[in-house]
Amino acid sequence: MNAAAEPMLSPFVLADTREGVRTLTLNRGERYNPLSYDMLAALETAIDEVAADSGVRAVVLAGAGRGFCAGHDLKELRAQRSPQWRRGLFDLCSRVMIKLTQLPQPTIARVHGMATAAGCQLVSMCDLAVAADTARFALPGVNVGVFCSTPAVGVGRNVARKRVMEMLLTGEPIDAATALAWGLVNRVVAVDAIDAGVRQFTDLIVARSASIIAMGKRAFYAQIDASLGDAYAVAGETMCCNLDDPDADEGMDAFIAKRPPDWRTRG
């Protein structure tokens, strides 16, 4: 169930792996990388490939061209009148967003230029985000009669409720400093320092135990929206499993012996 096929161009998503870090780049920069059906399908495939590759220790999500991602492709949404097609698109988009949290590897959004609507949602669903100081974030669907209901799911799990409603009801953009203050991103850096800012995270992640990080990430998302009792049940069971992992023994032994750990699952 696909939209009208685009002309044969370069891949929708570029993948590059270096030193255990895979960078996935949305590759329609001339249009601010809209999340068309084909773009989302390509991104889902790229995410599935990462999940199956134990040699990848961290994932960076980037955008080609002048901005990160402008959200859904309005021309495509306007052209596709079938309710079945539209449900298929939003089901696919939701699946992609959820898979980012299900990946065993941490994900980092590398944000420059604009990140609007579903593009802002994409930032919110990554585990970490580094933004250029010139980046802008918005949930502007209300401006064109399409309320940003699905982007609000992710952004509303990063940003306080009234802040999200401000973005949703006004459609006005926020700058990178505001996104940092509101909790949508972790770091704001100069444009020419954005790759260095991302590397500060990836270097630390790659140096840790892959199995422990995967276990901890899985537990975090399993408990974060659960009731308090259920959350502690998930976390407590995870701690017990964590202590059975050989890397836990190695980490504690190394700390006691005052030496660097030799992780079994280091990349």
C-alpha atoms as a PDB file:
ATOM      1  CA  MET A   1       0.000   0.000   0.000  1.00  0.00           C
ATOM      2  CA  ASN A   2       2.238   2.708  -1.302  1.00  0.00           C
ATOM      3  CA  ALA A   3       1.856   6.191  -2.625  1.00  0.00           C
ATOM      4  CA  ALA A   4       2.493   7.011  -6.251  1.00  0.00           C
ATOM      5  CA  ALA A   5       6.113   6.087  -6.704  1.00  0.00           C
ATOM      6  CA  GLU A   6       8.617   8.924  -6.869  1.00  0.00           C
ATOM      7  CA  PRO A   7      11.005   9.026  -9.799  1.00  0.00           C
ATOM      8  CA  MET A   8      14.080   6.884  -9.272  1.00  0.00           C
ATOM      9  CA  LEU A   9      16.373   9.112  -7.273  1.00  0.00           C
ATOM     10  CA  SER A  10      19.057   8.527  -4.675  1.00  0.00           C
ATOM     11  CA  PRO A  11      18.057   6.392  -1.651  1.00  0.00           C
ATOM     12  CA  PHE A  12      15.577   7.902   0.768  1.00  0.00           C
ATOM     13  CA  VAL A  13      17.837   7.021   3.703  1.00  0.00           C
ATOM     14  CA  LEU A  14      21.620   6.873   3.593  1.00  0.00           C
ATOM     15  CA  ALA A  15      23.431   4.580   6.035  1.00  0.00           C
ATOM     16  CA  ASP A  16      27.059   4.986   7.061  1.00  0.00           C
ATOM     17  CA  THR A  17      28.790   3.025   9.825  1.00  0.00           C
ATOM     18  CA  ARG A  18      32.032   4.123  11.463  1.00  0.00           C
ATOM     19  CA  GLU A  19      33.595   2.817  14.668  1.00  0.00           C
ATOM     20  CA  GLY A  20      30.379   1.152  15.775  1.00  0.00           C
ATOM     21  CA  VAL A  21      28.153   4.185  15.080  1.00  0.00           C
ATOM     22  CA  ARG A  22      25.612   4.026  12.258  1.00  0.00           C
ATOM     23  CA  THR A  23      24.395   7.340  10.891  1.00  0.00           C
ATOM     24  CA  LEU A  24      21.029   7.227   9.151  1.00  0.00           C
ATOM     25  CA  THR A  25      20.505  10.345   7.036  1.00  0.00           C
ATOM     26  CA  LEU A  26      17.120  11.334   5.655  1.00  0.00           C
ATOM     27  CA  ASN A  27      18.042  12.043   2.058  1.00  0.00           C
ATOM     28  CA  ARG A  28      15.530  14.427   0.540  1.00  0.00           C
ATOM     29  CA  GLY A  29      17.238  17.604   1.673  1.00  0.00           C
ATOM     30  CA  GLU A  30      15.923  19.684  -1.213  1.00  0.00           C
ATOM     31  CA  ARG A  31      12.449  19.305   0.380  1.00  0.00           C
ATOM     32  CA  TYR A  32      13.495  19.323   4.037  1.00  0.00           C
ATOM     33  CA  ASN A  33      13.258  15.529   4.206  1.00  0.00           C
ATOM     34  CA  PRO A  34       9.477  15.042   4.414  1.00  0.00           C
ATOM     35  CA  LEU A  35       8.249  11.816   5.979  1.00  0.00           C
ATOM     36  CA  SER A  36       6.487  10.490   2.907  1.00  0.00           C
ATOM     37  CA  TYR A  37       5.309   6.896   2.809  1.00  0.00           C
ATOM     38  CA  ASP A  38       8.458   5.903   0.930  1.00  0.00           C
ATOM     39  CA  MET A  39      10.720   7.778   3.353  1.00  0.00           C
ATOM     40  CA  LEU A  40       9.091   6.090   6.348  1.00  0.00           C
ATOM     41  CA  ALA A  41       9.309   2.666   4.696  1.00  0.00           C
ATOM     42  CA  ALA A  42      13.010   3.210   4.002  1.00  0.00           C
ATOM     43  CA  LEU A  43      13.588   4.388   7.559  1.00  0.00           C
ATOM     44  CA  GLU A  44      11.802   1.334   8.973  1.00  0.00           C
ATOM     45  CA  THR A  45      14.004  -0.943   6.873  1.00  0.00           C
ATOM     46  CA  ALA A  46      17.132   0.881   8.065  1.00  0.00           C
ATOM     47  CA  ILE A  47      16.025   0.580  11.698  1.00  0.00           C
ATOM     48  CA  ASP A  48      15.327  -3.149  11.297  1.00  0.00           C
ATOM     49  CA  GLU A  49      18.798  -3.621   9.817  1.00  0.00           C
ATOM     50  CA  VAL A  50      20.366  -1.839  12.779  1.00  0.00           C
ATOM     51  CA  ALA A  51      18.424  -3.987  15.242  1.00  0.00           C
ATOM     52  CA  ALA A  52      19.873  -7.126  13.638  1.00  0.00           C
ATOM     53  CA  ASP A  53      23.476  -5.868  13.600  1.00  0.00           C
ATOM     54  CA  SER A  54      25.305  -6.394  16.896  1.00  0.00           C
ATOM     55  CA  GLY A  55      28.303  -4.519  15.516  1.00  0.00           C
ATOM     56  CA  VAL A  56      26.339  -1.262  15.655  1.00  0.00           C
ATOM     57  CA  ARG A  57      26.584   0.289  19.099  1.00  0.00           C
ATOM     58  CA  ALA A  58      24.799   3.614  18.586  1.00  0.00           C
ATOM     59  CA  VAL A  59      22.579   5.219  15.947  1.00  0.00           C
ATOM     60  CA  VAL A  60      22.651   8.852  14.819  1.00  0.00           C
ATOM     61  CA  LEU A  61      19.589  10.133  12.965  1.00  0.00           C
ATOM     62  CA  ALA A  62      20.363  13.111  10.721  1.00  0.00           C
ATOM     63  CA  GLY A  63      18.870  15.074   7.843  1.00  0.00           C
ATOM     64  CA  ALA A  64      20.465  16.096   4.569  1.00  0.00           C
ATOM     65  CA  GLY A  65      20.293  19.651   3.245  1.00  0.00           C
ATOM     66  CA  ARG A  66      19.232  22.768   5.119  1.00  0.00           C
ATOM     67  CA  GLY A  67      17.080  21.172   7.794  1.00  0.00           C
ATOM     68  CA  PHE A  68      16.402  18.027   9.788  1.00  0.00           C
ATOM     69  CA  CYS A  69      12.817  17.141   8.843  1.00  0.00           C
ATOM     70  CA  ALA A  70       9.690  19.113   7.950  1.00  0.00           C
ATOM     71  CA  GLY A  71       7.258  16.347   8.954  1.00  0.00           C
ATOM     72  CA  HIS A  72       4.731  14.582   6.755  1.00  0.00           C
ATOM     73  CA  ASP A  73       4.571  15.311   3.038  1.00  0.00           C
ATOM     74  CA  LEU A  74       1.547  17.617   2.691  1.00  0.00           C
ATOM     75  CA  LYS A  75       1.412  17.198  -1.080  1.00  0.00           C
ATOM     76  CA  GLU A  76       1.183  13.445  -0.621  1.00  0.00           C
ATOM     77  CA  LEU A  77      -1.453  13.758   2.104  1.00  0.00           C
ATOM     78  CA  ARG A  78      -3.488  16.042  -0.125  1.00  0.00           C
ATOM     79  CA  ALA A  79      -3.266  13.688  -3.100  1.00  0.00           C
ATOM     80  CA  GLN A  80      -4.110  10.487  -1.232  1.00  0.00           C
ATOM     81  CA  ARG A  81      -7.833  10.556  -0.425  1.00  0.00           C
ATOM     82  CA  SER A  82      -8.248   6.905   0.581  1.00  0.00           C
ATOM     83  CA  PRO A  83      -8.907   6.436   4.325  1.00  0.00           C
ATOM     84  CA  GLN A  84      -7.228   3.042   4.050  1.00  0.00           C
ATOM     85  CA  TRP A  85      -4.076   4.602   2.609  1.00  0.00           C
ATOM     86  CA  ARG A  86      -4.010   7.314   5.266  1.00  0.00           C
ATOM     87  CA  ARG A  87      -4.422   4.804   8.085  1.00  0.00           C
ATOM     88  CA  GLY A  88      -1.621   2.773   6.543  1.00  0.00           C
ATOM     89  CA  LEU A  89       0.638   5.830   6.527  1.00  0.00           C
ATOM     90  CA  PHE A  90       0.015   6.697  10.169  1.00  0.00           C
ATOM     91  CA  ASP A  91       0.316   3.053  11.220  1.00  0.00           C
ATOM     92  CA  LEU A  92       3.703   2.955   9.486  1.00  0.00           C
ATOM     93  CA  CYS A  93       4.777   6.214  11.084  1.00  0.00           C
ATOM     94  CA  SER A  94       3.761   5.012  14.553  1.00  0.00           C
ATOM     95  CA  ARG A  95       5.620   1.750  13.997  1.00  0.00           C
ATOM     96  CA  VAL A  96       8.801   3.605  13.020  1.00  0.00           C
ATOM     97  CA  MET A  97       8.591   5.867  16.073  1.00  0.00           C
ATOM     98  CA  ILE A  98       8.056   2.955  18.443  1.00  0.00           C
ATOM     99  CA  LYS A  99      10.882   0.947  16.871  1.00  0.00           C
ATOM    100  CA  LEU A 100      13.303   3.747  17.737  1.00  0.00           C
ATOM    101  CA  THR A 101      12.591   3.045  21.414  1.00  0.00           C
ATOM    102  CA  GLN A 102      12.765  -0.732  20.859  1.00  0.00           C
ATOM    103  CA  LEU A 103      16.223  -0.694  19.275  1.00  0.00           C
ATOM    104  CA  PRO A 104      18.830  -2.179  21.623  1.00  0.00           C
ATOM    105  CA  GLN A 105      21.198   0.601  20.563  1.00  0.00           C
ATOM    106  CA  PRO A 106      20.784   4.184  21.825  1.00  0.00           C
ATOM    107  CA  THR A 107      19.550   6.671  19.221  1.00  0.00           C
ATOM    108  CA  ILE A 108      20.698  10.281  18.921  1.00  0.00           C
ATOM    109  CA  ALA A 109      18.953  12.938  16.832  1.00  0.00           C
ATOM    110  CA  ARG A 110      21.380  15.332  15.115  1.00  0.00           C
ATOM    111  CA  VAL A 111      19.179  18.371  14.528  1.00  0.00           C
ATOM    112  CA  HIS A 112      19.961  21.340  12.325  1.00  0.00           C
ATOM    113  CA  GLY A 113      17.624  23.811  10.664  1.00  0.00           C
ATOM    114  CA  MET A 114      13.957  22.974  11.104  1.00  0.00           C
ATOM    115  CA  ALA A 115      12.335  20.040  12.883  1.00  0.00           C
ATOM    116  CA  THR A 116       8.614  20.495  12.538  1.00  0.00           C
ATOM    117  CA  ALA A 117       5.471  18.395  13.044  1.00  0.00           C
ATOM    118  CA  ALA A 118       6.427  14.710  12.568  1.00  0.00           C
ATOM    119  CA  GLY A 119      10.043  15.867  12.268  1.00  0.00           C
ATOM    120  CA  CYS A 120       9.789  17.232  15.809  1.00  0.00           C
ATOM    121  CA  GLN A 121       8.149  13.926  16.769  1.00  0.00           C
ATOM    122  CA  LEU A 122      11.163  12.109  15.343  1.00  0.00           C
ATOM    123  CA  VAL A 123      13.482  14.131  17.591  1.00  0.00           C
ATOM    124  CA  SER A 124      11.318  13.369  20.611  1.00  0.00           C
ATOM    125  CA  MET A 125      11.382   9.613  19.996  1.00  0.00           C
ATOM    126  CA  CYS A 126      15.173   9.383  19.909  1.00  0.00           C
ATOM    127  CA  ASP A 127      16.857   8.630  23.222  1.00  0.00           C
ATOM    128  CA  LEU A 128      19.074  11.723  23.008  1.00  0.00           C
ATOM    129  CA  ALA A 129      19.174  14.852  20.843  1.00  0.00           C
ATOM    130  CA  VAL A 130      21.893  17.342  19.966  1.00  0.00           C
ATOM    131  CA  ALA A 131      20.758  20.538  18.232  1.00  0.00           C
ATOM    132  CA  ALA A 132      22.560  23.307  16.424  1.00  0.00           C
ATOM    133  CA  ASP A 133      21.953  26.700  18.013  1.00  0.00           C
ATOM    134  CA  THR A 134      20.160  27.756  14.836  1.00  0.00           C
ATOM    135  CA  ALA A 135      17.669  24.855  14.935  1.00  0.00           C
ATOM    136  CA  ARG A 136      13.954  25.515  15.235  1.00  0.00           C
ATOM    137  CA  PHE A 137      11.201  23.222  16.484  1.00  0.00           C
ATOM    138  CA  ALA A 138       7.453  23.480  15.893  1.00  0.00           C
ATOM    139  CA  LEU A 139       4.132  21.638  15.906  1.00  0.00           C
ATOM    140  CA  PRO A 140       2.536  23.895  13.277  1.00  0.00           C
ATOM    141  CA  GLY A 141      -0.231  21.683  11.932  1.00  0.00           C
ATOM    142  CA  VAL A 142      -2.914  23.983  13.334  1.00  0.00           C
ATOM    143  CA  ASN A 143      -1.745  26.609  10.834  1.00  0.00           C
ATOM    144  CA  VAL A 144      -2.842  24.432   7.902  1.00  0.00           C
ATOM    145  CA  GLY A 145      -5.881  22.783   9.490  1.00  0.00           C
ATOM    146  CA  VAL A 146      -4.147  19.530  10.463  1.00  0.00           C
ATOM    147  CA  PHE A 147      -3.665  19.404  14.243  1.00  0.00           C
ATOM    148  CA  CYS A 148      -0.376  17.683  15.197  1.00  0.00           C
ATOM    149  CA  SER A 149      -2.041  14.865  17.143  1.00  0.00           C
ATOM    150  CA  THR A 150       0.503  12.126  16.453  1.00  0.00           C
ATOM    151  CA  PRO A 151       3.578  14.364  16.925  1.00  0.00           C
ATOM    152  CA  ALA A 152       2.108  15.325  20.302  1.00  0.00           C
ATOM    153  CA  VAL A 153       2.467  11.714  21.479  1.00  0.00           C
ATOM    154  CA  GLY A 154       6.261  11.873  21.367  1.00  0.00           C
ATOM    155  CA  VAL A 155       6.740  15.532  22.245  1.00  0.00           C
ATOM    156  CA  GLY A 156       4.299  15.165  25.145  1.00  0.00           C
ATOM    157  CA  ARG A 157       6.578  12.510  26.628  1.00  0.00           C
ATOM    158  CA  ASN A 158       9.525  14.927  26.576  1.00  0.00           C
ATOM    159  CA  VAL A 159       8.013  18.313  27.386  1.00  0.00           C
ATOM    160  CA  ALA A 160       5.649  19.485  30.119  1.00  0.00           C
ATOM    161  CA  ARG A 161       1.972  19.396  29.190  1.00  0.00           C
ATOM    162  CA  LYS A 162       1.303  23.134  29.026  1.00  0.00           C
ATOM    163  CA  ARG A 163       4.439  23.696  26.949  1.00  0.00           C
ATOM    164  CA  VAL A 164       3.292  21.089  24.441  1.00  0.00           C
ATOM    165  CA  MET A 165      -0.173  22.619  24.298  1.00  0.00           C
ATOM    166  CA  GLU A 166       1.416  26.005  23.636  1.00  0.00           C
ATOM    167  CA  MET A 167       3.233  24.525  20.631  1.00  0.00           C
ATOM    168  CA  LEU A 168       0.101  22.711  19.440  1.00  0.00           C
ATOM    169  CA  LEU A 169      -2.384  25.551  19.845  1.00  0.00           C
ATOM    170  CA  THR A 170      -0.252  28.394  18.503  1.00  0.00           C
ATOM    171  CA  GLY A 171       1.854  26.569  15.901  1.00  0.00           C
ATOM    172  CA  GLU A 172       4.656  28.982  16.748  1.00  0.00           C
ATOM    173  CA  PRO A 173       8.253  27.689  16.557  1.00  0.00           C
ATOM    174  CA  ILE A 174      10.620  27.564  19.511  1.00  0.00           C
ATOM    175  CA  ASP A 175      14.356  28.096  19.215  1.00  0.00           C
ATOM    176  CA  ALA A 176      17.051  25.636  20.242  1.00  0.00           C
ATOM    177  CA  ALA A 177      17.659  27.291  23.610  1.00  0.00           C
ATOM    178  CA  THR A 178      13.973  26.960  24.466  1.00  0.00           C
ATOM    179  CA  ALA A 179      13.934  23.337  23.291  1.00  0.00           C
ATOM    180  CA  LEU A 180      16.832  22.695  25.670  1.00  0.00           C
ATOM    181  CA  ALA A 181      15.112  24.435  28.576  1.00  0.00           C
ATOM    182  CA  TRP A 182      11.878  22.527  27.925  1.00  0.00           C
ATOM    183  CA  GLY A 183      13.616  19.138  27.745  1.00  0.00           C
ATOM    184  CA  LEU A 184      13.205  18.334  24.050  1.00  0.00           C
ATOM    185  CA  VAL A 185      16.962  18.201  23.412  1.00  0.00           C
ATOM    186  CA  ASN A 186      20.010  17.381  25.551  1.00  0.00           C
ATOM    187  CA  ARG A 187      22.621  19.754  24.102  1.00  0.00           C
ATOM    188  CA  VAL A 188      22.711  22.911  22.000  1.00  0.00           C
ATOM    189  CA  VAL A 189      25.956  23.663  20.182  1.00  0.00           C
ATOM    190  CA  ALA A 190      27.247  25.870  17.389  1.00  0.00           C
ATOM    191  CA  VAL A 191      26.419  24.614  13.904  1.00  0.00           C
ATOM    192  CA  ASP A 192      30.046  23.752  13.160  1.00  0.00           C
ATOM    193  CA  ALA A 193      30.305  21.825  16.438  1.00  0.00           C
ATOM    194  CA  ILE A 194      27.257  19.612  16.037  1.00  0.00           C
ATOM    195  CA  ASP A 195      29.172  16.496  14.976  1.00  0.00           C
ATOM    196  CA  ALA A 196      31.566  16.934  17.885  1.00  0.00           C
ATOM    197  CA  GLY A 197      28.555  17.293  20.186  1.00  0.00           C
ATOM    198  CA  VAL A 198      27.113  14.033  18.900  1.00  0.00           C
ATOM    199  CA  ARG A 199      30.485  12.284  19.294  1.00  0.00           C
ATOM    200  CA  GLN A 200      30.610  13.224  22.964  1.00  0.00           C
ATOM    201  CA  PHE A 201      27.647  10.903  23.413  1.00  0.00           C
ATOM    202  CA  THR A 202      28.612   8.162  20.958  1.00  0.00           C
ATOM    203  CA  ASP A 203      32.168   7.865  22.316  1.00  0.00           C
ATOM    204  CA  LEU A 204      30.818   7.263  25.802  1.00  0.00           C
ATOM    205  CA  ILE A 205      28.142   4.822  24.630  1.00  0.00           C
ATOM    206  CA  VAL A 206      30.538   2.740  22.508  1.00  0.00           C
ATOM    207  CA  ALA A 207      32.902   2.478  25.480  1.00  0.00           C
ATOM    208  CA  ARG A 208      30.210   0.862  27.653  1.00  0.00           C
ATOM    209  CA  SER A 209      28.783  -2.656  27.687  1.00  0.00           C
ATOM    210  CA  ALA A 210      26.352  -3.212  24.805  1.00  0.00           C
ATOM    211  CA  SER A 211      24.327  -5.832  26.671  1.00  0.00           C
ATOM    212  CA  ILE A 212      23.915  -3.685  29.780  1.00  0.00           C
ATOM    213  CA  ILE A 213      22.849  -0.641  27.745  1.00  0.00           C
ATOM    214  CA  ALA A 214      20.347  -2.700  25.730  1.00  0.00           C
ATOM    215  CA  MET A 215      18.875  -4.177  28.901  1.00  0.00           C
ATOM    216  CA  GLY A 216      18.663  -0.798  30.596  1.00  0.00           C
ATOM    217  CA  LYS A 217      17.079   0.930  27.609  1.00  0.00           C
ATOM    218  CA  ARG A 218      14.452  -1.794  27.319  1.00  0.00           C
ATOM    219  CA  ALA A 219      13.589  -1.482  31.008  1.00  0.00           C
ATOM    220  CA  PHE A 220      13.432   2.314  30.874  1.00  0.00           C
ATOM    221  CA  TYR A 221      10.746   2.360  28.187  1.00  0.00           C
ATOM    222  CA  ALA A 222       8.871  -0.536  29.773  1.00  0.00           C
ATOM    223  CA  GLN A 223       8.490   1.271  33.091  1.00  0.00           C
ATOM    224  CA  ILE A 224       8.324   4.975  32.234  1.00  0.00           C
ATOM    225  CA  ASP A 225       4.565   5.122  31.557  1.00  0.00           C
ATOM    226  CA  ALA A 226       3.579   2.311  33.939  1.00  0.00           C
ATOM    227  CA  SER A 227       2.027   2.732  37.381  1.00  0.00           C
ATOM    228  CA  LEU A 228       4.508   3.176  40.226  1.00  0.00           C
ATOM    229  CA  GLY A 229       4.140  -0.405  41.430  1.00  0.00           C
ATOM    230  CA  ASP A 230       4.419  -1.893  37.954  1.00  0.00           C
ATOM    231  CA  ALA A 231       7.386   0.344  37.175  1.00  0.00           C
ATOM    232  CA  TYR A 232       9.293  -0.893  40.223  1.00  0.00           C
ATOM    233  CA  ALA A 233       8.412  -4.496  39.370  1.00  0.00           C
ATOM    234  CA  VAL A 234       9.910  -4.066  35.893  1.00  0.00           C
ATOM    235  CA  ALA A 235      12.965  -2.234  37.221  1.00  0.00           C
ATOM    236  CA  GLY A 236      13.588  -4.684  40.055  1.00  0.00           C
ATOM    237  CA  GLU A 237      13.440  -7.706  37.763  1.00  0.00           C
ATOM    238  CA  THR A 238      15.772  -5.949  35.337  1.00  0.00           C
ATOM    239  CA  MET A 239      18.269  -5.265  38.126  1.00  0.00           C
ATOM    240  CA  CYS A 240      18.298  -8.968  38.996  1.00  0.00           C
ATOM    241  CA  CYS A 241      18.888  -9.916  35.356  1.00  0.00           C
ATOM    242  CA  ASN A 242      21.518  -7.212  35.068  1.00  0.00           C
ATOM    243  CA  LEU A 243      23.472  -8.661  38.003  1.00  0.00           C
ATOM    244  CA  ASP A 244      23.517 -12.053  36.249  1.00  0.00           C
ATOM    245  CA  ASP A 245      25.214 -10.549  33.183  1.00  0.00           C
ATOM    246  CA  PRO A 246      28.978 -11.262  33.010  1.00  0.00           C
ATOM    247  CA  ASP A 247      29.605  -7.605  32.274  1.00  0.00           C
ATOM    248  CA  ALA A 248      28.136  -6.713  35.676  1.00  0.00           C
ATOM    249  CA  ASP A 249      30.708  -8.948  37.357  1.00  0.00           C
ATOM    250  CA  GLU A 250      33.462  -7.414  35.253  1.00  0.00           C
ATOM    251  CA  GLY A 251      32.331  -3.856  35.913  1.00  0.00           C
ATOM    252  CA  MET A 252      32.174  -4.261  39.680  1.00  0.00           C
ATOM    253  CA  ASP A 253      35.455  -6.208  39.823  1.00  0.00           C
ATOM    254  CA  ALA A 254      37.164  -3.502  37.762  1.00  0.00           C
ATOM    255  CA  PHE A 255      35.805  -0.762  40.040  1.00  0.00           C
ATOM    256  CA  ILE A 256      36.997  -2.578  43.172  1.00  0.00           C
ATOM    257  CA  ALA A 257      40.413  -3.266  41.618  1.00  0.00           C
ATOM    258  CA  LYS A 258      40.660   0.337  40.342  1.00  0.00           C
ATOM    259  CA  ARG A 259      41.251  -0.735  36.726  1.00  0.00           C
ATOM    260  CA  PRO A 260      39.390  -0.131  33.427  1.00  0.00           C
ATOM    261  CA  PRO A 261      36.692  -2.730  32.710  1.00  0.00           C
ATOM    262  CA  ASP A 262      37.127  -5.186  29.848  1.00  0.00           C
ATOM    263  CA  TRP A 263      33.549  -5.512  28.647  1.00  0.00           C
ATOM    264  CA  ARG A 264      32.535  -8.772  27.042  1.00  0.00           C
ATOM    265  CA  THR A 265      30.106  -6.954  24.750  1.00  0.00           C
ATOM    266  CA  ARG A 266      32.163  -3.919  23.823  1.00  0.00           C
ATOM    267  CA  GLY A 267      32.122  -3.211  20.086  1.00  0.00           C
END
